[in-house]
């Protein structure tokens, strides 16, 4: 079921500083900031040869990333995203095995304009998992 690693998402207190650091110090290809109002975040993707890094910054006070940064003011890894071929089949297989899907279980459209779901971190060694259909 699980496919390749799509991205690692890092919550950051300053998008510009994070983008500049990866661009300057690491020589990475850094995309533009993209507001995602439906998710309460602004994102920047860093393209790597084998995956992506996604910088997340709050878009509004009620953003889940604002709450994360309150607890982790310097930022940190927020989630990892794996690709799946069929998100509904993956959801059904995971829930049948006892995993909890966050929200109502209905996929939402993510930052790549593809269906996504999030899995409860308590079911995956404390790590929030995003699944993205490819």
C-alpha atoms as a PDB file:
ATOM      1  CA  UNK A   1       0.000   0.000   0.000  1.00  0.00           C
ATOM      2  CA  UNK A   2       2.583   2.580   1.071  1.00  0.00           C
ATOM      3  CA  UNK A   3       4.503   4.222  -1.743  1.00  0.00           C
ATOM      4  CA  UNK A   4       7.443   6.552  -1.858  1.00  0.00           C
ATOM      5  CA  UNK A   5       8.103   9.372   0.571  1.00  0.00           C
ATOM      6  CA  UNK A   6       6.434  12.427  -0.946  1.00  0.00           C
ATOM      7  CA  UNK A   7       7.638  15.072   1.512  1.00  0.00           C
ATOM      8  CA  UNK A   8       8.674  15.951   5.032  1.00  0.00           C
ATOM      9  CA  UNK A   9       6.750  18.942   6.394  1.00  0.00           C
ATOM     10  CA  UNK A  10       8.537  21.364   8.699  1.00  0.00           C
ATOM     11  CA  UNK A  11       6.618  24.059  10.588  1.00  0.00           C
ATOM     12  CA  UNK A  12       8.644  27.283  10.532  1.00  0.00           C
ATOM     13  CA  UNK A  13       8.207  30.581  12.359  1.00  0.00           C
ATOM     14  CA  UNK A  14       9.630  32.544   9.370  1.00  0.00           C
ATOM     15  CA  UNK A  15       9.037  31.297   5.819  1.00  0.00           C
ATOM     16  CA  UNK A  16      11.453  33.738   4.204  1.00  0.00           C
ATOM     17  CA  UNK A  17      14.294  32.857   6.569  1.00  0.00           C
ATOM     18  CA  UNK A  18      13.724  29.126   6.056  1.00  0.00           C
ATOM     19  CA  UNK A  19      13.621  29.489   2.255  1.00  0.00           C
ATOM     20  CA  UNK A  20      16.732  31.686   2.247  1.00  0.00           C
ATOM     21  CA  UNK A  21      18.628  29.225   4.439  1.00  0.00           C
ATOM     22  CA  UNK A  22      17.852  26.213   2.235  1.00  0.00           C
ATOM     23  CA  UNK A  23      18.502  28.205  -0.952  1.00  0.00           C
ATOM     24  CA  UNK A  24      21.728  29.822   0.283  1.00  0.00           C
ATOM     25  CA  UNK A  25      23.352  27.340   2.660  1.00  0.00           C
ATOM     26  CA  UNK A  26      22.187  24.124   0.989  1.00  0.00           C
ATOM     27  CA  UNK A  27      21.822  25.276  -2.623  1.00  0.00           C
ATOM     28  CA  UNK A  28      18.296  23.886  -2.819  1.00  0.00           C
ATOM     29  CA  UNK A  29      15.658  24.711  -5.414  1.00  0.00           C
ATOM     30  CA  UNK A  30      13.014  26.608  -3.429  1.00  0.00           C
ATOM     31  CA  UNK A  31       9.561  27.357  -4.795  1.00  0.00           C
ATOM     32  CA  UNK A  32       7.296  30.332  -4.104  1.00  0.00           C
ATOM     33  CA  UNK A  33       5.093  30.788  -1.052  1.00  0.00           C
ATOM     34  CA  UNK A  34       1.581  29.494  -1.724  1.00  0.00           C
ATOM     35  CA  UNK A  35      -1.349  30.366   0.535  1.00  0.00           C
ATOM     36  CA  UNK A  36      -3.620  27.410   1.331  1.00  0.00           C
ATOM     37  CA  UNK A  37      -6.597  29.087   3.086  1.00  0.00           C
ATOM     38  CA  UNK A  38      -8.594  25.830   3.259  1.00  0.00           C
ATOM     39  CA  UNK A  39      -5.809  24.360   5.417  1.00  0.00           C
ATOM     40  CA  UNK A  40      -4.858  27.518   7.312  1.00  0.00           C
ATOM     41  CA  UNK A  41      -1.259  27.510   6.088  1.00  0.00           C
ATOM     42  CA  UNK A  42       1.153  29.065   3.671  1.00  0.00           C
ATOM     43  CA  UNK A  43       3.539  26.527   2.129  1.00  0.00           C
ATOM     44  CA  UNK A  44       6.846  26.574   0.311  1.00  0.00           C
ATOM     45  CA  UNK A  45       8.175  23.440  -1.355  1.00  0.00           C
ATOM     46  CA  UNK A  46      11.871  22.676  -1.557  1.00  0.00           C
ATOM     47  CA  UNK A  47      12.543  20.306  -4.442  1.00  0.00           C
ATOM     48  CA  UNK A  48      15.122  17.586  -3.826  1.00  0.00           C
ATOM     49  CA  UNK A  49      16.237  14.891  -6.284  1.00  0.00           C
ATOM     50  CA  UNK A  50      14.293  12.163  -4.459  1.00  0.00           C
ATOM     51  CA  UNK A  51      11.560  13.983  -2.471  1.00  0.00           C
ATOM     52  CA  UNK A  52      10.450  17.396  -1.199  1.00  0.00           C
ATOM     53  CA  UNK A  53      10.588  19.434   1.975  1.00  0.00           C
ATOM     54  CA  UNK A  54       7.421  21.396   2.731  1.00  0.00           C
ATOM     55  CA  UNK A  55       7.741  24.488   4.902  1.00  0.00           C
ATOM     56  CA  UNK A  56       4.494  25.275   6.747  1.00  0.00           C
ATOM     57  CA  UNK A  57       3.643  28.645   8.237  1.00  0.00           C
ATOM     58  CA  UNK A  58       0.337  29.644   9.884  1.00  0.00           C
ATOM     59  CA  UNK A  59      -2.215  31.489   7.812  1.00  0.00           C
ATOM     60  CA  UNK A  60      -4.379  32.999  10.545  1.00  0.00           C
ATOM     61  CA  UNK A  61      -4.540  32.597  14.312  1.00  0.00           C
ATOM     62  CA  UNK A  62      -6.667  29.442  14.248  1.00  0.00           C
ATOM     63  CA  UNK A  63      -4.216  27.568  12.022  1.00  0.00           C
ATOM     64  CA  UNK A  64      -3.151  24.152  13.328  1.00  0.00           C
ATOM     65  CA  UNK A  65       0.409  25.259  12.567  1.00  0.00           C
ATOM     66  CA  UNK A  66       0.005  28.283  14.873  1.00  0.00           C
ATOM     67  CA  UNK A  67      -0.826  25.857  17.689  1.00  0.00           C
ATOM     68  CA  UNK A  68       2.187  23.694  16.772  1.00  0.00           C
ATOM     69  CA  UNK A  69       4.503  26.728  16.824  1.00  0.00           C
ATOM     70  CA  UNK A  70       3.129  27.811  20.217  1.00  0.00           C
ATOM     71  CA  UNK A  71       4.448  24.511  21.588  1.00  0.00           C
ATOM     72  CA  UNK A  72       7.570  24.538  19.370  1.00  0.00           C
ATOM     73  CA  UNK A  73       8.521  28.220  18.828  1.00  0.00           C
ATOM     74  CA  UNK A  74      11.666  27.377  16.837  1.00  0.00           C
ATOM     75  CA  UNK A  75       9.642  25.122  14.508  1.00  0.00           C
ATOM     76  CA  UNK A  76      10.170  21.467  13.792  1.00  0.00           C
ATOM     77  CA  UNK A  77       9.019  18.449  11.822  1.00  0.00           C
ATOM     78  CA  UNK A  78       5.230  18.476  11.663  1.00  0.00           C
ATOM     79  CA  UNK A  79       4.451  15.411   9.523  1.00  0.00           C
ATOM     80  CA  UNK A  80       5.701  13.058   6.857  1.00  0.00           C
ATOM     81  CA  UNK A  81       3.754  12.280   3.705  1.00  0.00           C
ATOM     82  CA  UNK A  82       3.667   8.967   1.876  1.00  0.00           C
ATOM     83  CA  UNK A  83       2.159   8.336  -1.521  1.00  0.00           C
ATOM     84  CA  UNK A  84      -0.604   5.785  -2.054  1.00  0.00           C
ATOM     85  CA  UNK A  85      -2.227   4.693  -5.294  1.00  0.00           C
ATOM     86  CA  UNK A  86      -5.791   4.533  -3.948  1.00  0.00           C
ATOM     87  CA  UNK A  87      -6.497   6.689  -0.915  1.00  0.00           C
ATOM     88  CA  UNK A  88      -9.917   5.147  -0.212  1.00  0.00           C
ATOM     89  CA  UNK A  89      -8.526   1.598  -0.289  1.00  0.00           C
ATOM     90  CA  UNK A  90      -5.630   2.718   1.933  1.00  0.00           C
ATOM     91  CA  UNK A  91      -8.043   4.365   4.372  1.00  0.00           C
ATOM     92  CA  UNK A  92     -10.233   1.292   4.539  1.00  0.00           C
ATOM     93  CA  UNK A  93      -7.277  -1.047   5.059  1.00  0.00           C
ATOM     94  CA  UNK A  94      -5.824   1.202   7.781  1.00  0.00           C
ATOM     95  CA  UNK A  95      -9.095   1.622   9.690  1.00  0.00           C
ATOM     96  CA  UNK A  96      -9.703  -2.141   9.473  1.00  0.00           C
ATOM     97  CA  UNK A  97      -6.326  -2.628  11.157  1.00  0.00           C
ATOM     98  CA  UNK A  98      -7.249  -0.183  13.938  1.00  0.00           C
ATOM     99  CA  UNK A  99      -5.536   2.984  12.723  1.00  0.00           C
ATOM    100  CA  UNK A 100      -7.388   6.257  13.242  1.00  0.00           C
ATOM    101  CA  UNK A 101      -7.924   8.711  10.405  1.00  0.00           C
ATOM    102  CA  UNK A 102      -8.194  12.328  11.525  1.00  0.00           C
ATOM    103  CA  UNK A 103     -11.332  14.283  10.675  1.00  0.00           C
ATOM    104  CA  UNK A 104     -14.343  12.515   9.260  1.00  0.00           C
ATOM    105  CA  UNK A 105     -12.315  10.158   7.059  1.00  0.00           C
ATOM    106  CA  UNK A 106     -13.172  11.961   3.843  1.00  0.00           C
ATOM    107  CA  UNK A 107     -10.088  12.888   1.805  1.00  0.00           C
ATOM    108  CA  UNK A 108      -9.456  16.604   1.319  1.00  0.00           C
ATOM    109  CA  UNK A 109      -7.558  18.242  -1.497  1.00  0.00           C
ATOM    110  CA  UNK A 110      -3.996  18.966  -0.347  1.00  0.00           C
ATOM    111  CA  UNK A 111      -1.310  21.428  -1.401  1.00  0.00           C
ATOM    112  CA  UNK A 112      -0.507  19.386  -4.548  1.00  0.00           C
ATOM    113  CA  UNK A 113      -4.208  19.426  -5.567  1.00  0.00           C
ATOM    114  CA  UNK A 114      -4.485  15.706  -4.828  1.00  0.00           C
ATOM    115  CA  UNK A 115      -6.592  13.872  -2.216  1.00  0.00           C
ATOM    116  CA  UNK A 116      -4.981  13.582   1.214  1.00  0.00           C
ATOM    117  CA  UNK A 117      -5.751  12.081   4.629  1.00  0.00           C
ATOM    118  CA  UNK A 118      -3.964  12.350   7.959  1.00  0.00           C
ATOM    119  CA  UNK A 119      -3.416   9.469  10.384  1.00  0.00           C
ATOM    120  CA  UNK A 120      -3.372   9.889  14.142  1.00  0.00           C
ATOM    121  CA  UNK A 121       0.201  10.202  15.475  1.00  0.00           C
ATOM    122  CA  UNK A 122      -0.536   7.971  18.467  1.00  0.00           C
ATOM    123  CA  UNK A 123      -1.041   5.105  16.018  1.00  0.00           C
ATOM    124  CA  UNK A 124       2.327   5.663  14.265  1.00  0.00           C
ATOM    125  CA  UNK A 125       5.040   6.052  16.913  1.00  0.00           C
ATOM    126  CA  UNK A 126       4.121   9.672  17.650  1.00  0.00           C
ATOM    127  CA  UNK A 127       4.428  10.820  14.041  1.00  0.00           C
ATOM    128  CA  UNK A 128       1.597  12.536  12.160  1.00  0.00           C
ATOM    129  CA  UNK A 129       1.296  10.767   8.792  1.00  0.00           C
ATOM    130  CA  UNK A 130      -0.201  12.264   5.660  1.00  0.00           C
ATOM    131  CA  UNK A 131      -1.249  10.009   2.799  1.00  0.00           C
ATOM    132  CA  UNK A 132      -1.469  11.512  -0.671  1.00  0.00           C
ATOM    133  CA  UNK A 133      -3.046   9.782  -3.649  1.00  0.00           C
ATOM    134  CA  UNK A 134      -0.850   9.813  -6.745  1.00  0.00           C
END
